[in-house]
Amino acid sequence: MKQPATCFAVALRWISQKPIKRIKRARFWEIPVQKRPLINSWIRGIAKMNLTKSQLLNHLEQFIGTEYYYPLWPNIMLTDGTRYLADTAGCYWLMAAISSHLQRLAKEETFISSKLTVDNGKARLNIEDGNGTVLATQKIPYTDFPLDEIMLFACWDQKHWVIMLPSEY
């Protein structure tokens, strides 16, 4: 009498009959043009959540400390709060702007505060050393950032810069 085959044995038999194809990761220019708008909208941050200013501020206040660090560049990390901000507000451009200034700082700088101020669709990003000394300023000609202003901190931990919300400091 034959024993009934287990699900695992049936799946194993089925898999072994199928040829295994190697999956090649497509480069951006190899992706069909019809699918590129979806990727472009994700890159530009257009696919973002629609939250009111007060809802977004309430959500950001919930982040105290961080559980994970998310790499933005090889030596720049985001915390849970800054990643949430970048995802929901579609502002990876802000994290990239702060990161570009962090790369040019002197080695003795271990802490910076960056403040983005939005006025009539234009913005100004100020990078300070925490004591009021302005290290860099950048004008942003157009933005759809939902908040009027936001302050972010960045700390050097001997290996990378960590960009965080003030409540995560």
N, C-alpha and C. Protein backbone atom coordinates (compact mmCIF):
# COMPACT_ATOMS: atom_id res chain seq x y z
N MET A 1 0.83 -1.17 0.00
CA MET A 1 0.00 0.00 0.00
C MET A 1 0.89 1.26 0.00
N LYS A 2 0.57 2.18 -0.89
CA LYS A 2 1.33 3.41 -0.99
C LYS A 2 0.92 4.38 0.10
N GLN A 3 1.90 5.08 0.66
CA GLN A 3 1.58 6.11 1.64
C GLN A 3 1.25 7.40 0.90
N PRO A 4 0.29 8.19 1.43
CA PRO A 4 -0.03 9.45 0.75
C PRO A 4 1.18 10.39 0.81
N ALA A 5 1.39 11.08 -0.26
CA ALA A 5 2.52 12.01 -0.34
C ALA A 5 2.22 13.25 0.48
N THR A 6 3.22 13.72 1.16
CA THR A 6 3.05 14.96 1.92
C THR A 6 3.10 16.14 0.97
N CYS A 7 2.60 17.25 1.43
CA CYS A 7 2.63 18.47 0.62
C CYS A 7 4.05 18.85 0.24
N PHE A 8 4.97 18.65 1.20
CA PHE A 8 6.36 18.99 0.94
C PHE A 8 6.93 18.12 -0.17
N ALA A 9 6.64 16.82 -0.12
CA ALA A 9 7.15 15.90 -1.14
C ALA A 9 6.58 16.23 -2.51
N VAL A 10 5.30 16.57 -2.57
CA VAL A 10 4.66 16.93 -3.84
C VAL A 10 5.28 18.21 -4.39
N ALA A 11 5.49 19.20 -3.53
CA ALA A 11 6.07 20.47 -3.96
C ALA A 11 7.51 20.25 -4.44
N LEU A 12 8.25 19.42 -3.73
CA LEU A 12 9.63 19.14 -4.11
C LEU A 12 9.68 18.46 -5.47
N ARG A 13 8.78 17.49 -5.69
CA ARG A 13 8.72 16.80 -6.97
C ARG A 13 8.36 17.78 -8.09
N TRP A 14 7.43 18.69 -7.81
CA TRP A 14 6.99 19.65 -8.82
C TRP A 14 8.11 20.63 -9.16
N ILE A 15 8.81 21.10 -8.12
CA ILE A 15 9.91 22.05 -8.32
C ILE A 15 11.04 21.40 -9.10
N SER A 16 11.34 20.14 -8.81
CA SER A 16 12.47 19.48 -9.48
C SER A 16 12.19 19.25 -10.96
N GLN A 17 10.93 19.26 -11.37
CA GLN A 17 10.60 19.08 -12.78
C GLN A 17 10.70 20.38 -13.57
N LYS A 18 10.67 21.51 -12.90
CA LYS A 18 10.73 22.81 -13.56
C LYS A 18 12.18 23.26 -13.68
N PRO A 19 12.56 23.77 -14.85
CA PRO A 19 13.92 24.32 -14.95
C PRO A 19 14.01 25.63 -14.15
N ILE A 20 15.10 25.82 -13.50
CA ILE A 20 15.31 27.02 -12.69
C ILE A 20 15.90 28.10 -13.58
N LYS A 21 15.23 29.25 -13.61
CA LYS A 21 15.72 30.38 -14.38
C LYS A 21 16.45 31.34 -13.46
N ARG A 22 17.53 31.87 -13.92
CA ARG A 22 18.22 32.89 -13.15
C ARG A 22 17.49 34.20 -13.33
N ILE A 23 17.24 34.89 -12.26
CA ILE A 23 16.57 36.17 -12.31
C ILE A 23 17.63 37.25 -12.40
N LYS A 24 17.53 38.04 -13.44
CA LYS A 24 18.49 39.12 -13.66
C LYS A 24 17.86 40.41 -13.18
N ARG A 25 18.56 41.17 -12.38
CA ARG A 25 18.07 42.48 -11.94
C ARG A 25 18.18 43.45 -13.09
N ALA A 26 17.09 44.05 -13.43
CA ALA A 26 17.07 44.98 -14.56
C ALA A 26 17.62 46.34 -14.15
N ARG A 27 18.39 46.91 -15.03
CA ARG A 27 18.83 48.28 -14.83
C ARG A 27 17.71 49.21 -15.26
N PHE A 28 17.74 50.43 -14.80
CA PHE A 28 16.65 51.36 -15.08
C PHE A 28 16.38 51.50 -16.57
N TRP A 29 17.45 51.61 -17.36
CA TRP A 29 17.26 51.83 -18.80
C TRP A 29 16.77 50.57 -19.50
N GLU A 30 16.84 49.39 -18.82
CA GLU A 30 16.34 48.15 -19.41
C GLU A 30 14.85 47.93 -19.12
N ILE A 31 14.27 48.74 -18.25
CA ILE A 31 12.86 48.60 -17.90
C ILE A 31 12.02 49.16 -19.04
N PRO A 32 10.96 48.44 -19.45
CA PRO A 32 10.12 48.95 -20.54
C PRO A 32 9.59 50.35 -20.23
N VAL A 33 9.49 51.16 -21.26
CA VAL A 33 9.08 52.56 -21.10
C VAL A 33 7.72 52.66 -20.43
N GLN A 34 6.82 51.70 -20.68
CA GLN A 34 5.48 51.74 -20.11
C GLN A 34 5.52 51.63 -18.58
N LYS A 35 6.51 50.96 -18.04
CA LYS A 35 6.59 50.79 -16.59
C LYS A 35 7.43 51.87 -15.91
N ARG A 36 8.13 52.69 -16.65
CA ARG A 36 8.99 53.71 -16.07
C ARG A 36 8.24 54.79 -15.29
N PRO A 37 7.04 55.24 -15.71
CA PRO A 37 6.38 56.28 -14.93
C PRO A 37 6.14 55.88 -13.48
N LEU A 38 5.87 54.60 -13.22
CA LEU A 38 5.68 54.15 -11.84
C LEU A 38 6.96 54.31 -11.05
N ILE A 39 8.07 53.96 -11.66
CA ILE A 39 9.35 54.06 -10.97
C ILE A 39 9.73 55.53 -10.80
N ASN A 40 9.52 56.34 -11.83
CA ASN A 40 9.83 57.76 -11.74
C ASN A 40 9.04 58.44 -10.63
N SER A 41 7.74 58.09 -10.51
CA SER A 41 6.94 58.71 -9.46
C SER A 41 7.43 58.29 -8.09
N TRP A 42 7.91 57.07 -7.94
CA TRP A 42 8.45 56.64 -6.66
C TRP A 42 9.74 57.38 -6.36
N ILE A 43 10.59 57.53 -7.36
CA ILE A 43 11.86 58.21 -7.16
C ILE A 43 11.63 59.66 -6.77
N ARG A 44 10.71 60.32 -7.43
CA ARG A 44 10.46 61.74 -7.16
C ARG A 44 9.65 61.96 -5.90
N GLY A 45 9.09 60.90 -5.32
CA GLY A 45 8.32 61.05 -4.10
C GLY A 45 6.89 61.47 -4.36
N ILE A 46 6.39 61.27 -5.59
CA ILE A 46 5.02 61.66 -5.90
C ILE A 46 4.04 60.69 -5.23
N ALA A 47 4.43 59.44 -5.13
CA ALA A 47 3.56 58.45 -4.51
C ALA A 47 3.69 58.58 -3.00
N LYS A 48 3.03 59.55 -2.43
CA LYS A 48 3.15 59.80 -1.00
C LYS A 48 1.76 59.80 -0.35
N MET A 49 1.74 59.71 0.94
CA MET A 49 0.47 59.67 1.66
C MET A 49 -0.10 61.08 1.75
N ASN A 50 -1.41 61.16 1.72
CA ASN A 50 -2.07 62.45 1.84
C ASN A 50 -2.49 62.66 3.30
N LEU A 51 -1.66 63.32 4.06
CA LEU A 51 -1.93 63.63 5.45
C LEU A 51 -2.00 65.15 5.61
N THR A 52 -2.81 65.60 6.55
CA THR A 52 -2.82 67.02 6.85
C THR A 52 -1.57 67.36 7.64
N LYS A 53 -1.28 68.65 7.77
CA LYS A 53 -0.10 69.09 8.52
C LYS A 53 -0.14 68.59 9.96
N SER A 54 -1.31 68.73 10.58
CA SER A 54 -1.41 68.33 11.99
C SER A 54 -1.29 66.81 12.14
N GLN A 55 -1.82 66.05 11.20
CA GLN A 55 -1.68 64.59 11.27
C GLN A 55 -0.22 64.19 11.13
N LEU A 56 0.48 64.80 10.18
CA LEU A 56 1.89 64.48 9.98
C LEU A 56 2.71 64.85 11.21
N LEU A 57 2.45 66.02 11.79
CA LEU A 57 3.18 66.42 13.01
C LEU A 57 2.88 65.47 14.17
N ASN A 58 1.63 65.05 14.29
CA ASN A 58 1.28 64.10 15.35
C ASN A 58 1.99 62.77 15.15
N HIS A 59 2.08 62.32 13.92
CA HIS A 59 2.79 61.06 13.65
C HIS A 59 4.27 61.19 13.95
N LEU A 60 4.86 62.33 13.59
CA LEU A 60 6.29 62.52 13.82
C LEU A 60 6.63 62.62 15.31
N GLU A 61 5.71 63.14 16.11
CA GLU A 61 5.94 63.24 17.56
C GLU A 61 6.01 61.87 18.23
N GLN A 62 5.49 60.85 17.58
CA GLN A 62 5.48 59.50 18.16
C GLN A 62 6.85 58.82 18.11
N PHE A 63 7.75 59.35 17.32
CA PHE A 63 9.07 58.72 17.18
C PHE A 63 10.00 59.22 18.26
N ILE A 64 10.38 58.30 19.15
CA ILE A 64 11.32 58.60 20.24
C ILE A 64 12.38 57.52 20.18
N GLY A 65 13.60 57.91 19.88
CA GLY A 65 14.64 56.91 19.66
C GLY A 65 14.40 56.22 18.33
N THR A 66 15.18 55.20 18.04
CA THR A 66 15.00 54.45 16.80
C THR A 66 15.31 52.99 17.03
N GLU A 67 14.69 52.15 16.23
CA GLU A 67 14.94 50.73 16.31
C GLU A 67 15.91 50.27 15.25
N TYR A 68 15.83 50.89 14.08
CA TYR A 68 16.67 50.51 12.95
C TYR A 68 17.31 51.74 12.33
N TYR A 69 18.41 51.51 11.62
CA TYR A 69 19.05 52.54 10.82
C TYR A 69 18.93 52.12 9.37
N TYR A 70 18.49 53.03 8.53
CA TYR A 70 18.28 52.74 7.12
C TYR A 70 19.32 53.50 6.31
N PRO A 71 20.12 52.80 5.50
CA PRO A 71 21.16 53.49 4.73
C PRO A 71 20.57 54.35 3.62
N LEU A 72 21.03 55.57 3.55
CA LEU A 72 20.65 56.47 2.46
C LEU A 72 21.81 56.52 1.47
N TRP A 73 23.00 56.73 1.97
CA TRP A 73 24.25 56.64 1.23
C TRP A 73 25.14 55.73 2.06
N PRO A 74 26.29 55.32 1.55
CA PRO A 74 27.11 54.38 2.32
C PRO A 74 27.46 54.84 3.73
N ASN A 75 27.66 56.14 3.93
CA ASN A 75 28.02 56.60 5.27
C ASN A 75 26.97 57.52 5.88
N ILE A 76 25.73 57.45 5.38
CA ILE A 76 24.64 58.27 5.92
C ILE A 76 23.43 57.38 6.18
N MET A 77 22.93 57.43 7.42
CA MET A 77 21.81 56.60 7.83
C MET A 77 20.60 57.46 8.20
N LEU A 78 19.43 56.90 8.01
CA LEU A 78 18.18 57.52 8.45
C LEU A 78 17.63 56.72 9.63
N THR A 79 16.97 57.38 10.54
CA THR A 79 16.31 56.70 11.65
C THR A 79 14.89 56.35 11.22
N ASP A 80 14.15 55.70 12.11
CA ASP A 80 12.75 55.35 11.81
C ASP A 80 11.94 56.60 11.48
N GLY A 81 12.13 57.66 12.25
CA GLY A 81 11.36 58.88 12.07
C GLY A 81 11.66 59.61 10.78
N THR A 82 12.94 59.72 10.43
CA THR A 82 13.28 60.41 9.19
C THR A 82 12.89 59.59 7.97
N ARG A 83 12.95 58.28 8.09
CA ARG A 83 12.49 57.46 6.97
C ARG A 83 10.98 57.60 6.78
N TYR A 84 10.25 57.62 7.89
CA TYR A 84 8.80 57.82 7.81
C TYR A 84 8.48 59.17 7.18
N LEU A 85 9.21 60.20 7.59
CA LEU A 85 9.01 61.53 7.02
C LEU A 85 9.28 61.52 5.52
N ALA A 86 10.38 60.90 5.11
CA ALA A 86 10.74 60.85 3.69
C ALA A 86 9.69 60.07 2.90
N ASP A 87 9.17 59.00 3.47
CA ASP A 87 8.16 58.20 2.77
C ASP A 87 6.82 58.92 2.67
N THR A 88 6.35 59.45 3.78
CA THR A 88 5.00 60.03 3.79
C THR A 88 4.94 61.40 3.15
N ALA A 89 5.97 62.20 3.32
CA ALA A 89 5.95 63.54 2.74
C ALA A 89 6.64 63.59 1.37
N GLY A 90 7.20 62.47 0.95
CA GLY A 90 7.88 62.43 -0.33
C GLY A 90 9.08 63.35 -0.38
N CYS A 91 9.87 63.35 0.69
CA CYS A 91 10.98 64.31 0.74
C CYS A 91 12.35 63.63 0.87
N TYR A 92 12.57 62.61 0.08
CA TYR A 92 13.92 62.05 0.02
C TYR A 92 14.89 63.10 -0.53
N TRP A 93 14.37 64.04 -1.28
CA TRP A 93 15.20 65.13 -1.79
C TRP A 93 15.79 65.94 -0.64
N LEU A 94 15.03 66.09 0.45
CA LEU A 94 15.52 66.83 1.62
C LEU A 94 16.65 66.06 2.29
N MET A 95 16.48 64.75 2.43
CA MET A 95 17.53 63.93 3.03
C MET A 95 18.79 63.95 2.17
N ALA A 96 18.61 63.93 0.84
CA ALA A 96 19.76 64.00 -0.07
C ALA A 96 20.44 65.36 0.02
N ALA A 97 19.66 66.43 0.15
CA ALA A 97 20.25 67.77 0.26
C ALA A 97 21.07 67.90 1.55
N ILE A 98 20.52 67.42 2.65
CA ILE A 98 21.26 67.45 3.92
C ILE A 98 22.52 66.60 3.80
N SER A 99 22.39 65.43 3.20
CA SER A 99 23.53 64.52 3.03
C SER A 99 24.64 65.15 2.20
N SER A 100 24.27 65.87 1.16
CA SER A 100 25.30 66.48 0.32
C SER A 100 26.10 67.52 1.10
N HIS A 101 25.46 68.22 2.02
CA HIS A 101 26.19 69.18 2.85
C HIS A 101 27.02 68.47 3.91
N LEU A 102 26.55 67.34 4.41
CA LEU A 102 27.31 66.59 5.42
C LEU A 102 28.64 66.10 4.86
N GLN A 103 28.66 65.75 3.58
CA GLN A 103 29.88 65.24 2.96
C GLN A 103 30.99 66.28 2.93
N ARG A 104 30.61 67.55 2.93
CA ARG A 104 31.60 68.63 2.79
C ARG A 104 32.03 69.26 4.11
N LEU A 105 31.49 68.76 5.22
CA LEU A 105 31.82 69.37 6.51
C LEU A 105 33.22 69.01 6.95
N ALA A 106 33.77 69.86 7.79
CA ALA A 106 35.08 69.59 8.37
C ALA A 106 34.99 68.38 9.31
N LYS A 107 36.11 67.71 9.48
CA LYS A 107 36.13 66.47 10.28
C LYS A 107 35.79 66.71 11.76
N GLU A 108 36.04 67.93 12.26
CA GLU A 108 35.76 68.17 13.69
C GLU A 108 34.28 68.36 13.99
N GLU A 109 33.45 68.54 12.96
CA GLU A 109 32.00 68.66 13.18
C GLU A 109 31.41 67.28 13.46
N THR A 110 30.73 67.16 14.60
CA THR A 110 30.10 65.88 14.94
C THR A 110 28.60 66.01 15.13
N PHE A 111 28.10 67.22 15.07
CA PHE A 111 26.67 67.45 15.23
C PHE A 111 26.26 68.63 14.37
N ILE A 112 25.13 68.49 13.67
CA ILE A 112 24.58 69.63 12.93
C ILE A 112 23.07 69.65 13.12
N SER A 113 22.52 70.83 12.98
CA SER A 113 21.06 70.96 12.95
C SER A 113 20.71 71.59 11.61
N SER A 114 19.71 71.04 10.97
CA SER A 114 19.30 71.59 9.67
C SER A 114 17.84 71.99 9.79
N LYS A 115 17.53 73.16 9.26
CA LYS A 115 16.18 73.69 9.35
C LYS A 115 15.71 74.05 7.95
N LEU A 116 14.59 73.46 7.56
CA LEU A 116 13.96 73.77 6.29
C LEU A 116 12.78 74.69 6.56
N THR A 117 12.78 75.84 5.91
CA THR A 117 11.69 76.80 6.04
C THR A 117 11.05 76.97 4.67
N VAL A 118 9.73 76.72 4.60
CA VAL A 118 8.99 76.80 3.34
C VAL A 118 8.13 78.05 3.34
N ASP A 119 8.16 78.78 2.21
CA ASP A 119 7.36 79.98 2.07
C ASP A 119 6.93 80.11 0.61
N ASN A 120 5.62 80.01 0.37
CA ASN A 120 5.04 80.15 -0.98
C ASN A 120 5.66 79.22 -2.02
N GLY A 121 5.85 77.97 -1.67
CA GLY A 121 6.37 77.00 -2.62
C GLY A 121 7.87 77.04 -2.81
N LYS A 122 8.55 77.94 -2.12
CA LYS A 122 10.01 78.02 -2.15
C LYS A 122 10.52 77.68 -0.76
N ALA A 123 11.74 77.21 -0.70
CA ALA A 123 12.27 76.80 0.61
C ALA A 123 13.71 77.25 0.76
N ARG A 124 14.13 77.29 2.02
CA ARG A 124 15.51 77.62 2.37
C ARG A 124 15.96 76.58 3.39
N LEU A 125 17.10 75.96 3.12
CA LEU A 125 17.68 74.96 4.01
C LEU A 125 18.92 75.56 4.65
N ASN A 126 18.91 75.66 5.98
CA ASN A 126 20.05 76.17 6.74
C ASN A 126 20.67 75.03 7.52
N ILE A 127 21.97 74.88 7.39
CA ILE A 127 22.73 73.88 8.14
C ILE A 127 23.56 74.64 9.16
N GLU A 128 23.37 74.34 10.45
CA GLU A 128 24.08 75.02 11.54
C GLU A 128 24.83 74.00 12.38
N ASP A 129 25.76 74.49 13.18
CA ASP A 129 26.53 73.59 14.04
C ASP A 129 25.87 73.32 15.39
N GLY A 130 24.69 73.84 15.60
CA GLY A 130 24.00 73.65 16.88
C GLY A 130 24.20 74.81 17.83
N ASN A 131 25.19 75.65 17.56
CA ASN A 131 25.46 76.83 18.39
C ASN A 131 25.08 78.12 17.68
N GLY A 132 24.39 78.01 16.58
CA GLY A 132 23.96 79.19 15.84
C GLY A 132 24.87 79.60 14.70
N THR A 133 25.99 78.92 14.53
CA THR A 133 26.90 79.23 13.43
C THR A 133 26.41 78.54 12.16
N VAL A 134 26.12 79.32 11.14
CA VAL A 134 25.62 78.76 9.89
C VAL A 134 26.79 78.18 9.10
N LEU A 135 26.68 76.87 8.78
CA LEU A 135 27.72 76.19 8.01
C LEU A 135 27.42 76.19 6.52
N ALA A 136 26.13 76.13 6.18
CA ALA A 136 25.73 76.12 4.77
C ALA A 136 24.29 76.58 4.65
N THR A 137 23.97 77.14 3.51
CA THR A 137 22.61 77.58 3.20
C THR A 137 22.31 77.18 1.76
N GLN A 138 21.11 76.69 1.55
CA GLN A 138 20.70 76.31 0.20
C GLN A 138 19.30 76.83 -0.06
N LYS A 139 19.12 77.48 -1.21
CA LYS A 139 17.79 77.92 -1.64
C LYS A 139 17.20 76.84 -2.54
N ILE A 140 15.95 76.52 -2.30
CA ILE A 140 15.25 75.52 -3.10
C ILE A 140 14.14 76.24 -3.85
N PRO A 141 14.21 76.32 -5.18
CA PRO A 141 13.27 77.14 -5.94
C PRO A 141 11.83 76.64 -5.93
N TYR A 142 11.61 75.34 -5.80
CA TYR A 142 10.24 74.82 -5.76
C TYR A 142 10.18 73.63 -4.82
N THR A 143 9.12 73.58 -4.02
CA THR A 143 8.87 72.42 -3.17
C THR A 143 7.39 72.31 -2.87
N ASP A 144 6.96 71.07 -2.67
CA ASP A 144 5.59 70.82 -2.25
C ASP A 144 5.58 70.19 -0.85
N PHE A 145 6.64 70.49 -0.09
CA PHE A 145 6.75 69.97 1.27
C PHE A 145 5.56 70.44 2.09
N PRO A 146 4.88 69.53 2.80
CA PRO A 146 3.61 69.90 3.46
C PRO A 146 3.74 70.79 4.70
N LEU A 147 4.88 70.81 5.35
CA LEU A 147 5.03 71.59 6.57
C LEU A 147 5.69 72.94 6.27
N ASP A 148 5.40 73.94 7.12
CA ASP A 148 5.99 75.26 6.94
C ASP A 148 7.47 75.27 7.32
N GLU A 149 7.83 74.46 8.30
CA GLU A 149 9.23 74.33 8.68
C GLU A 149 9.44 73.03 9.42
N ILE A 150 10.65 72.54 9.34
CA ILE A 150 11.02 71.33 10.08
C ILE A 150 12.50 71.41 10.43
N MET A 151 12.82 70.88 11.59
CA MET A 151 14.20 70.85 12.07
C MET A 151 14.62 69.38 12.13
N LEU A 152 15.79 69.08 11.61
CA LEU A 152 16.37 67.75 11.68
C LEU A 152 17.78 67.86 12.22
N PHE A 153 18.22 66.84 12.95
CA PHE A 153 19.57 66.80 13.47
C PHE A 153 20.35 65.71 12.74
N ALA A 154 21.67 65.84 12.76
CA ALA A 154 22.55 64.79 12.25
C ALA A 154 23.74 64.68 13.19
N CYS A 155 24.08 63.45 13.55
CA CYS A 155 25.19 63.18 14.46
C CYS A 155 26.17 62.21 13.80
N TRP A 156 27.44 62.43 14.05
CA TRP A 156 28.49 61.55 13.54
C TRP A 156 28.79 60.51 14.62
N ASP A 157 28.74 59.21 14.26
CA ASP A 157 28.99 58.15 15.26
C ASP A 157 30.29 57.39 14.98
N GLN A 158 31.28 58.05 14.44
CA GLN A 158 32.59 57.51 14.10
C GLN A 158 32.61 56.66 12.83
N LYS A 159 31.42 56.25 12.33
CA LYS A 159 31.36 55.50 11.08
C LYS A 159 30.47 56.19 10.05
N HIS A 160 29.32 56.70 10.52
CA HIS A 160 28.39 57.35 9.61
C HIS A 160 27.67 58.50 10.29
N TRP A 161 27.07 59.30 9.43
CA TRP A 161 26.17 60.35 9.89
C TRP A 161 24.79 59.73 10.04
N VAL A 162 24.10 60.08 11.11
CA VAL A 162 22.73 59.61 11.35
C VAL A 162 21.83 60.84 11.36
N ILE A 163 20.90 60.89 10.40
CA ILE A 163 19.94 61.99 10.33
C ILE A 163 18.72 61.58 11.13
N MET A 164 18.29 62.46 12.04
CA MET A 164 17.18 62.11 12.95
C MET A 164 16.26 63.29 13.21
N LEU A 165 15.10 62.96 13.72
CA LEU A 165 14.16 64.00 14.19
C LEU A 165 14.65 64.50 15.55
N PRO A 166 14.27 65.71 15.94
CA PRO A 166 14.66 66.19 17.28
C PRO A 166 14.16 65.29 18.40
N SER A 167 13.00 64.67 18.24
CA SER A 167 12.46 63.79 19.29
C SER A 167 13.25 62.48 19.38
N GLU A 168 14.05 62.17 18.38
CA GLU A 168 14.85 60.94 18.41
C GLU A 168 16.26 61.18 18.94
N TYR A 169 16.62 62.42 19.19
CA TYR A 169 17.98 62.76 19.63
C TYR A 169 18.23 62.28 21.05
